[in-house]
């Protein structure tokens, strides 16, 4: 036996489907909004990391120059020290 649906039941079903579609749409918009916020946070974090990397590179360059200068000075002092020891 086939049960026939009346117009009120069909309208009720259609209204429930529309409600579910609207709820799903809102959930999708919430997810999209969350993704956009996360992207923004990640972009800020990436910018911060890039800035820190540039600072580290500058510091390494500065320290390498200082190291080279100090090695030259050490070689000079060692040479002068050996020269003084030879005269003694």
PDB file of N, CA and C in Angstrom:
ATOM      1  N   UNK A   1       0.833  -1.162   0.000  1.00  0.00           N
ATOM      2  CA  UNK A   1       0.000   0.000   0.000  1.00  0.00           C
ATOM      3  C   UNK A   1       0.893   1.246   0.000  1.00  0.00           C
ATOM      4  N   UNK A   2       0.666   2.123  -0.920  1.00  0.00           N
ATOM      5  CA  UNK A   2       1.433   3.351  -1.051  1.00  0.00           C
ATOM      6  C   UNK A   2       0.742   4.439  -0.249  1.00  0.00           C
ATOM      7  N   UNK A   3       1.524   5.078   0.619  1.00  0.00           N
ATOM      8  CA  UNK A   3       0.968   6.140   1.450  1.00  0.00           C
ATOM      9  C   UNK A   3       1.099   7.454   0.698  1.00  0.00           C
ATOM     10  N   UNK A   4       0.056   8.164   0.604  1.00  0.00           N
ATOM     11  CA  UNK A   4       0.071   9.447  -0.092  1.00  0.00           C
ATOM     12  C   UNK A   4       0.335  10.558   0.920  1.00  0.00           C
ATOM     13  N   UNK A   5       1.179  11.475   0.496  1.00  0.00           N
ATOM     14  CA  UNK A   5       1.485  12.625   1.340  1.00  0.00           C
ATOM     15  C   UNK A   5       0.563  13.773   0.947  1.00  0.00           C
ATOM     16  N   UNK A   6       0.071  14.456   1.943  1.00  0.00           N
ATOM     17  CA  UNK A   6      -0.743  15.617   1.585  1.00  0.00           C
ATOM     18  C   UNK A   6       0.149  16.844   1.445  1.00  0.00           C
ATOM     19  N   UNK A   7      -0.389  17.931   0.999  1.00  0.00           N
ATOM     20  CA  UNK A   7       0.370  19.154   0.717  1.00  0.00           C
ATOM     21  C   UNK A   7       1.027  19.679   1.988  1.00  0.00           C
ATOM     22  N   UNK A   8       0.387  19.592   3.111  1.00  0.00           N
ATOM     23  CA  UNK A   8       0.958  20.079   4.378  1.00  0.00           C
ATOM     24  C   UNK A   8       2.219  19.294   4.728  1.00  0.00           C
ATOM     25  N   UNK A   9       2.205  18.001   4.538  1.00  0.00           N
ATOM     26  CA  UNK A   9       3.389  17.178   4.833  1.00  0.00           C
ATOM     27  C   UNK A   9       4.528  17.512   3.862  1.00  0.00           C
ATOM     28  N   UNK A  10       4.176  17.698   2.599  1.00  0.00           N
ATOM     29  CA  UNK A  10       5.201  18.052   1.605  1.00  0.00           C
ATOM     30  C   UNK A  10       5.808  19.405   1.957  1.00  0.00           C
ATOM     31  N   UNK A  11       4.970  20.366   2.309  1.00  0.00           N
ATOM     32  CA  UNK A  11       5.479  21.683   2.712  1.00  0.00           C
ATOM     33  C   UNK A  11       6.356  21.579   3.955  1.00  0.00           C
ATOM     34  N   UNK A  12       5.968  20.738   4.893  1.00  0.00           N
ATOM     35  CA  UNK A  12       6.757  20.535   6.101  1.00  0.00           C
ATOM     36  C   UNK A  12       8.132  19.956   5.755  1.00  0.00           C
ATOM     37  N   UNK A  13       8.161  18.999   4.884  1.00  0.00           N
ATOM     38  CA  UNK A  13       9.428  18.383   4.449  1.00  0.00           C
ATOM     39  C   UNK A  13      10.297  19.420   3.743  1.00  0.00           C
ATOM     40  N   UNK A  14       9.688  20.175   2.838  1.00  0.00           N
ATOM     41  CA  UNK A  14      10.442  21.203   2.102  1.00  0.00           C
ATOM     42  C   UNK A  14      10.987  22.253   3.069  1.00  0.00           C
ATOM     43  N   UNK A  15      10.192  22.661   4.037  1.00  0.00           N
ATOM     44  CA  UNK A  15      10.654  23.650   5.026  1.00  0.00           C
ATOM     45  C   UNK A  15      11.815  23.114   5.857  1.00  0.00           C
ATOM     46  N   UNK A  16      11.757  21.851   6.230  1.00  0.00           N
ATOM     47  CA  UNK A  16      12.861  21.247   6.981  1.00  0.00           C
ATOM     48  C   UNK A  16      14.129  21.177   6.128  1.00  0.00           C
ATOM     49  N   UNK A  17      13.971  20.856   4.863  1.00  0.00           N
ATOM     50  CA  UNK A  17      15.121  20.819   3.952  1.00  0.00           C
ATOM     51  C   UNK A  17      15.730  22.215   3.839  1.00  0.00           C
ATOM     52  N   UNK A  18      14.893  23.236   3.682  1.00  0.00           N
ATOM     53  CA  UNK A  18      15.384  24.619   3.581  1.00  0.00           C
ATOM     54  C   UNK A  18      16.083  25.027   4.878  1.00  0.00           C
ATOM     55  N   UNK A  19      15.534  24.658   6.022  1.00  0.00           N
ATOM     56  CA  UNK A  19      16.169  24.947   7.309  1.00  0.00           C
ATOM     57  C   UNK A  19      17.557  24.319   7.381  1.00  0.00           C
ATOM     58  N   UNK A  20      17.641  23.055   6.985  1.00  0.00           N
ATOM     59  CA  UNK A  20      18.932  22.351   7.013  1.00  0.00           C
ATOM     60  C   UNK A  20      19.934  22.984   6.054  1.00  0.00           C
ATOM     61  N   UNK A  21      19.459  23.398   4.892  1.00  0.00           N
ATOM     62  CA  UNK A  21      20.347  24.059   3.931  1.00  0.00           C
ATOM     63  C   UNK A  21      20.865  25.367   4.516  1.00  0.00           C
ATOM     64  N   UNK A  22      19.980  26.155   5.113  1.00  0.00           N
ATOM     65  CA  UNK A  22      20.403  27.426   5.715  1.00  0.00           C
ATOM     66  C   UNK A  22      21.371  27.221   6.874  1.00  0.00           C
ATOM     67  N   UNK A  23      21.107  26.219   7.690  1.00  0.00           N
ATOM     68  CA  UNK A  23      22.010  25.913   8.801  1.00  0.00           C
ATOM     69  C   UNK A  23      23.374  25.485   8.269  1.00  0.00           C
ATOM     70  N   UNK A  24      23.371  24.644   7.268  1.00  0.00           N
ATOM     71  CA  UNK A  24      24.626  24.196   6.669  1.00  0.00           C
ATOM     72  C   UNK A  24      25.373  25.374   6.056  1.00  0.00           C
ATOM     73  N   UNK A  25      24.644  26.263   5.408  1.00  0.00           N
ATOM     74  CA  UNK A  25      25.262  27.441   4.801  1.00  0.00           C
ATOM     75  C   UNK A  25      25.928  28.303   5.871  1.00  0.00           C
ATOM     76  N   UNK A  26      25.240  28.511   6.988  1.00  0.00           N
ATOM     77  CA  UNK A  26      25.818  29.291   8.081  1.00  0.00           C
ATOM     78  C   UNK A  26      27.070  28.616   8.631  1.00  0.00           C
ATOM     79  N   UNK A  27      27.022  27.298   8.758  1.00  0.00           N
ATOM     80  CA  UNK A  27      28.196  26.567   9.249  1.00  0.00           C
ATOM     81  C   UNK A  27      29.358  26.697   8.269  1.00  0.00           C
ATOM     82  N   UNK A  28      29.067  26.650   6.992  1.00  0.00           N
ATOM     83  CA  UNK A  28      30.119  26.812   5.979  1.00  0.00           C
ATOM     84  C   UNK A  28      30.720  28.206   6.080  1.00  0.00           C
ATOM     85  N   UNK A  29      29.874  29.236   6.239  1.00  0.00           N
ATOM     86  CA  UNK A  29      30.389  30.599   6.383  1.00  0.00           C
ATOM     87  C   UNK A  29      31.246  30.730   7.642  1.00  0.00           C
ATOM     88  N   UNK A  30      30.847  30.084   8.724  1.00  0.00           N
ATOM     89  CA  UNK A  30      31.652  30.106   9.951  1.00  0.00           C
ATOM     90  C   UNK A  30      33.008  29.447   9.723  1.00  0.00           C
ATOM     91  N   UNK A  31      32.999  28.339   9.003  1.00  0.00           N
ATOM     92  CA  UNK A  31      34.262  27.646   8.701  1.00  0.00           C
ATOM     93  C   UNK A  31      35.147  28.531   7.842  1.00  0.00           C
ATOM     94  N   UNK A  32      34.573  29.153   6.830  1.00  0.00           N
ATOM     95  CA  UNK A  32      35.335  30.047   5.950  1.00  0.00           C
ATOM     96  C   UNK A  32      35.910  31.211   6.752  1.00  0.00           C
ATOM     97  N   UNK A  33      35.120  31.781   7.637  1.00  0.00           N
ATOM     98  CA  UNK A  33      35.596  32.886   8.470  1.00  0.00           C
ATOM     99  C   UNK A  33      36.765  32.438   9.352  1.00  0.00           C
ATOM    100  N   UNK A  34      36.641  31.246   9.923  1.00  0.00           N
ATOM    101  CA  UNK A  34      37.738  30.703  10.739  1.00  0.00           C
ATOM    102  C   UNK A  34      38.999  30.484   9.922  1.00  0.00           C
ATOM    103  N   UNK A  35      38.832  29.999   8.710  1.00  0.00           N
ATOM    104  CA  UNK A  35      39.981  29.772   7.830  1.00  0.00           C
ATOM    105  C   UNK A  35      40.656  31.097   7.484  1.00  0.00           C
ATOM    106  N   UNK A  36      39.857  32.110   7.200  1.00  0.00           N
ATOM    107  CA  UNK A  36      40.421  33.435   6.885  1.00  0.00           C
ATOM    108  C   UNK A  36      41.196  34.008   8.067  1.00  0.00           C
ATOM    109  N   UNK A  37      40.644  33.867   9.265  1.00  0.00           N
ATOM    110  CA  UNK A  37      41.341  34.356  10.462  1.00  0.00           C
ATOM    111  C   UNK A  37      42.636  33.587  10.680  1.00  0.00           C
ATOM    112  N   UNK A  38      42.591  32.284  10.479  1.00  0.00           N
ATOM    113  CA  UNK A  38      43.802  31.464  10.642  1.00  0.00           C
ATOM    114  C   UNK A  38      44.849  31.856   9.606  1.00  0.00           C
ATOM    115  N   UNK A  39      44.406  32.113   8.381  1.00  0.00           N
ATOM    116  CA  UNK A  39      45.339  32.554   7.331  1.00  0.00           C
ATOM    117  C   UNK A  39      45.995  33.873   7.720  1.00  0.00           C
ATOM    118  N   UNK A  40      45.188  34.796   8.234  1.00  0.00           N
ATOM    119  CA  UNK A  40      45.727  36.089   8.653  1.00  0.00           C
ATOM    120  C   UNK A  40      46.761  35.915   9.764  1.00  0.00           C
ATOM    121  N   UNK A  41      46.441  35.068  10.743  1.00  0.00           N
ATOM    122  CA  UNK A  41      47.390  34.805  11.834  1.00  0.00           C
ATOM    123  C   UNK A  41      48.674  34.171  11.320  1.00  0.00           C
ATOM    124  N   UNK A  42      48.539  33.235  10.391  1.00  0.00           N
ATOM    125  CA  UNK A  42      49.724  32.575   9.840  1.00  0.00           C
ATOM    126  C   UNK A  42      50.576  33.551   9.030  1.00  0.00           C
ATOM    127  N   UNK A  43      49.930  34.442   8.295  1.00  0.00           N
ATOM    128  CA  UNK A  43      50.687  35.430   7.529  1.00  0.00           C
ATOM    129  C   UNK A  43      51.459  36.368   8.456  1.00  0.00           C
ATOM    130  N   UNK A  44      50.830  36.753   9.567  1.00  0.00           N
ATOM    131  CA  UNK A  44      51.532  37.585  10.550  1.00  0.00           C
ATOM    132  C   UNK A  44      52.702  36.827  11.165  1.00  0.00           C
ATOM    133  N   UNK A  45      52.493  35.560  11.445  1.00  0.00           N
ATOM    134  CA  UNK A  45      53.566  34.745  12.017  1.00  0.00           C
ATOM    135  C   UNK A  45      54.717  34.572  11.018  1.00  0.00           C
ATOM    136  N   UNK A  46      54.378  34.371   9.753  1.00  0.00           N
ATOM    137  CA  UNK A  46      55.400  34.247   8.715  1.00  0.00           C
ATOM    138  C   UNK A  46      56.202  35.535   8.608  1.00  0.00           C
ATOM    139  N   UNK A  47      55.519  36.677   8.632  1.00  0.00           N
ATOM    140  CA  UNK A  47      56.211  37.968   8.563  1.00  0.00           C
ATOM    141  C   UNK A  47      57.151  38.140   9.754  1.00  0.00           C
ATOM    142  N   UNK A  48      56.694  37.732  10.928  1.00  0.00           N
ATOM    143  CA  UNK A  48      57.533  37.822  12.120  1.00  0.00           C
ATOM    144  C   UNK A  48      58.756  36.921  12.005  1.00  0.00           C
ATOM    145  N   UNK A  49      58.559  35.712  11.504  1.00  0.00           N
ATOM    146  CA  UNK A  49      59.673  34.768  11.346  1.00  0.00           C
ATOM    147  C   UNK A  49      60.673  35.298  10.322  1.00  0.00           C
ATOM    148  N   UNK A  50      60.173  35.854   9.210  1.00  0.00           N
ATOM    149  CA  UNK A  50      61.070  36.432   8.200  1.00  0.00           C
ATOM    150  C   UNK A  50      61.904  37.550   8.809  1.00  0.00           C
ATOM    151  N   UNK A  51      61.268  38.376   9.619  1.00  0.00           N
ATOM    152  CA  UNK A  51      61.976  39.476  10.268  1.00  0.00           C
ATOM    153  C   UNK A  51      63.056  38.950  11.212  1.00  0.00           C
ATOM    154  N   UNK A  52      62.715  37.918  11.983  1.00  0.00           N
ATOM    155  CA  UNK A  52      63.709  37.326  12.892  1.00  0.00           C
ATOM    156  C   UNK A  52      64.858  36.695  12.118  1.00  0.00           C
ATOM    157  N   UNK A  53      64.543  36.064  10.978  1.00  0.00           N
ATOM    158  CA  UNK A  53      65.593  35.467  10.149  1.00  0.00           C
ATOM    159  C   UNK A  53      66.548  36.539   9.651  1.00  0.00           C
ATOM    160  N   UNK A  54      65.990  37.661   9.177  1.00  0.00           N
ATOM    161  CA  UNK A  54      66.845  38.758   8.703  1.00  0.00           C
ATOM    162  C   UNK A  54      67.717  39.300   9.833  1.00  0.00           C
ATOM    163  N   UNK A  55      67.155  39.391  11.035  1.00  0.00           N
ATOM    164  CA  UNK A  55      67.953  39.851  12.183  1.00  0.00           C
ATOM    165  C   UNK A  55      69.074  38.872  12.504  1.00  0.00           C
ATOM    166  N   UNK A  56      68.784  37.584  12.440  1.00  0.00           N
ATOM    167  CA  UNK A  56      69.810  36.571  12.708  1.00  0.00           C
ATOM    168  C   UNK A  56      70.911  36.632  11.639  1.00  0.00           C
ATOM    169  N   UNK A  57      70.514  36.795  10.386  1.00  0.00           N
ATOM    170  CA  UNK A  57      71.504  36.902   9.308  1.00  0.00           C
ATOM    171  C   UNK A  57      72.406  38.107   9.539  1.00  0.00           C
ATOM    172  N   UNK A  58      71.808  39.244   9.897  1.00  0.00           N
ATOM    173  CA  UNK A  58      72.616  40.437  10.184  1.00  0.00           C
ATOM    174  C   UNK A  58      73.572  40.196  11.348  1.00  0.00           C
ATOM    175  N   UNK A  59      73.084  39.522  12.387  1.00  0.00           N
ATOM    176  CA  UNK A  59      73.923  39.242  13.556  1.00  0.00           C
ATOM    177  C   UNK A  59      75.060  38.286  13.190  1.00  0.00           C
ATOM    178  N   UNK A  60      74.770  37.284  12.389  1.00  0.00           N
ATOM    179  CA  UNK A  60      75.807  36.342  11.956  1.00  0.00           C
ATOM    180  C   UNK A  60      76.863  37.073  11.131  1.00  0.00           C
ATOM    181  N   UNK A  61      76.424  37.935  10.216  1.00  0.00           N
ATOM    182  CA  UNK A  61      77.382  38.713   9.412  1.00  0.00           C
ATOM    183  C   UNK A  61      78.270  39.572  10.310  1.00  0.00           C
ATOM    184  N   UNK A  62      77.647  40.238  11.281  1.00  0.00           N
ATOM    185  CA  UNK A  62      78.409  41.080  12.207  1.00  0.00           C
ATOM    186  C   UNK A  62      79.427  40.257  12.996  1.00  0.00           C
ATOM    187  N   UNK A  63      78.989  39.096  13.474  1.00  0.00           N
ATOM    188  CA  UNK A  63      79.890  38.255  14.264  1.00  0.00           C
ATOM    189  C   UNK A  63      81.010  37.657  13.414  1.00  0.00           C
ATOM    190  N   UNK A  64      80.714  37.331  12.159  1.00  0.00           N
ATOM    191  CA  UNK A  64      81.767  36.815  11.278  1.00  0.00           C
ATOM    192  C   UNK A  64      82.839  37.876  11.033  1.00  0.00           C
ATOM    193  N   UNK A  65      82.422  39.135  10.843  1.00  0.00           N
ATOM    194  CA  UNK A  65      83.388  40.224  10.659  1.00  0.00           C
ATOM    195  C   UNK A  65      84.219  40.420  11.915  1.00  0.00           C
ATOM    196  N   UNK A  66      83.556  40.382  13.067  1.00  0.00           N
ATOM    197  CA  UNK A  66      84.261  40.524  14.335  1.00  0.00           C
ATOM    198  C   UNK A  66      85.242  39.374  14.534  1.00  0.00           C
ATOM    199  N   UNK A  67      84.814  38.146  14.213  1.00  0.00           N
ATOM    200  CA  UNK A  67      85.675  36.972  14.327  1.00  0.00           C
ATOM    201  C   UNK A  67      86.923  37.140  13.467  1.00  0.00           C
ATOM    202  N   UNK A  68      86.725  37.576  12.247  1.00  0.00           N
ATOM    203  CA  UNK A  68      87.866  37.764  11.338  1.00  0.00           C
ATOM    204  C   UNK A  68      88.822  38.822  11.884  1.00  0.00           C
ATOM    205  N   UNK A  69      88.262  39.918  12.376  1.00  0.00           N
ATOM    206  CA  UNK A  69      89.083  41.005  12.932  1.00  0.00           C
ATOM    207  C   UNK A  69      89.868  40.511  14.152  1.00  0.00           C
ATOM    208  N   UNK A  70      89.184  39.730  15.019  1.00  0.00           N
ATOM    209  CA  UNK A  70      89.848  39.237  16.225  1.00  0.00           C
ATOM    210  C   UNK A  70      90.902  38.181  15.910  1.00  0.00           C
ATOM    211  N   UNK A  71      90.684  37.382  14.881  1.00  0.00           N
ATOM    212  CA  UNK A  71      91.706  36.397  14.482  1.00  0.00           C
ATOM    213  C   UNK A  71      92.957  37.106  13.969  1.00  0.00           C
ATOM    214  N   UNK A  72      92.751  38.161  13.200  1.00  0.00           N
ATOM    215  CA  UNK A  72      93.896  38.943  12.710  1.00  0.00           C
ATOM    216  C   UNK A  72      94.641  39.553  13.884  1.00  0.00           C
ATOM    217  N   UNK A  73      93.887  40.109  14.837  1.00  0.00           N
ATOM    218  CA  UNK A  73      94.521  40.710  16.016  1.00  0.00           C
ATOM    219  C   UNK A  73      95.271  39.662  16.834  1.00  0.00           C
ATOM    220  N   UNK A  74      94.682  38.470  16.978  1.00  0.00           N
ATOM    221  CA  UNK A  74      95.343  37.392  17.702  1.00  0.00           C
ATOM    222  C   UNK A  74      96.643  36.989  17.010  1.00  0.00           C
ATOM    223  N   UNK A  75      96.605  36.907  15.689  1.00  0.00           N
ATOM    224  CA  UNK A  75      97.822  36.566  14.940  1.00  0.00           C
ATOM    225  C   UNK A  75      98.894  37.635  15.160  1.00  0.00           C
ATOM    226  N   UNK A  76      98.483  38.898  15.167  1.00  0.00           N
ATOM    227  CA  UNK A  76      99.444  39.988  15.408  1.00  0.00           C
ATOM    228  C   UNK A  76     100.043  39.908  16.801  1.00  0.00           C
ATOM    229  N   UNK A  77      99.191  39.679  17.795  1.00  0.00           N
ATOM    230  CA  UNK A  77      99.671  39.594  19.181  1.00  0.00           C
ATOM    231  C   UNK A  77     100.585  38.390  19.343  1.00  0.00           C
ATOM    232  N   UNK A  78     100.206  37.252  18.741  1.00  0.00           N
ATOM    233  CA  UNK A  78     101.052  36.056  18.837  1.00  0.00           C
ATOM    234  C   UNK A  78     102.414  36.307  18.186  1.00  0.00           C
ATOM    235  N   UNK A  79     102.408  36.949  17.028  1.00  0.00           N
ATOM    236  CA  UNK A  79     103.661  37.248  16.332  1.00  0.00           C
ATOM    237  C   UNK A  79     104.519  38.179  17.184  1.00  0.00           C
ATOM    238  N   UNK A  80     103.894  39.228  17.744  1.00  0.00           N
ATOM    239  CA  UNK A  80     104.628  40.156  18.603  1.00  0.00           C
ATOM    240  C   UNK A  80     105.149  39.449  19.847  1.00  0.00           C
ATOM    241  N   UNK A  81     104.376  38.554  20.422  1.00  0.00           N
ATOM    242  CA  UNK A  81     104.787  37.823  21.610  1.00  0.00           C
ATOM    243  C   UNK A  81     105.994  36.938  21.288  1.00  0.00           C
ATOM    244  N   UNK A  82     105.912  36.232  20.142  1.00  0.00           N
ATOM    245  CA  UNK A  82     107.053  35.393  19.744  1.00  0.00           C
ATOM    246  C   UNK A  82     108.280  36.237  19.492  1.00  0.00           C
ATOM    247  N   UNK A  83     108.081  37.394  18.934  1.00  0.00           N
ATOM    248  CA  UNK A  83     109.211  38.304  18.676  1.00  0.00           C
ATOM    249  C   UNK A  83     109.832  38.749  19.994  1.00  0.00           C
ATOM    250  N   UNK A  84     109.029  39.056  20.970  1.00  0.00           N
ATOM    251  CA  UNK A  84     109.533  39.465  22.279  1.00  0.00           C
ATOM    252  C   UNK A  84     110.264  38.306  22.959  1.00  0.00           C
ATOM    253  N   UNK A  85     109.702  37.086  22.856  1.00  0.00           N
ATOM    254  CA  UNK A  85     110.337  35.911  23.466  1.00  0.00           C
ATOM    255  C   UNK A  85     111.697  35.645  22.835  1.00  0.00           C
ATOM    256  N   UNK A  86     111.816  35.843  21.538  1.00  0.00           N
ATOM    257  CA  UNK A  86     113.093  35.612  20.851  1.00  0.00           C
ATOM    258  C   UNK A  86     114.145  36.610  21.301  1.00  0.00           C
ATOM    259  N   UNK A  87     113.735  37.810  21.666  1.00  0.00           N
ATOM    260  CA  UNK A  87     114.705  38.835  22.098  1.00  0.00           C
ATOM    261  C   UNK A  87     115.164  38.605  23.532  1.00  0.00           C
ATOM    262  N   UNK A  88     114.428  37.816  24.267  1.00  0.00           N
ATOM    263  CA  UNK A  88     114.784  37.614  25.671  1.00  0.00           C
ATOM    264  C   UNK A  88     115.894  36.611  25.814  1.00  0.00           C
TER     265      UNK A  88
END
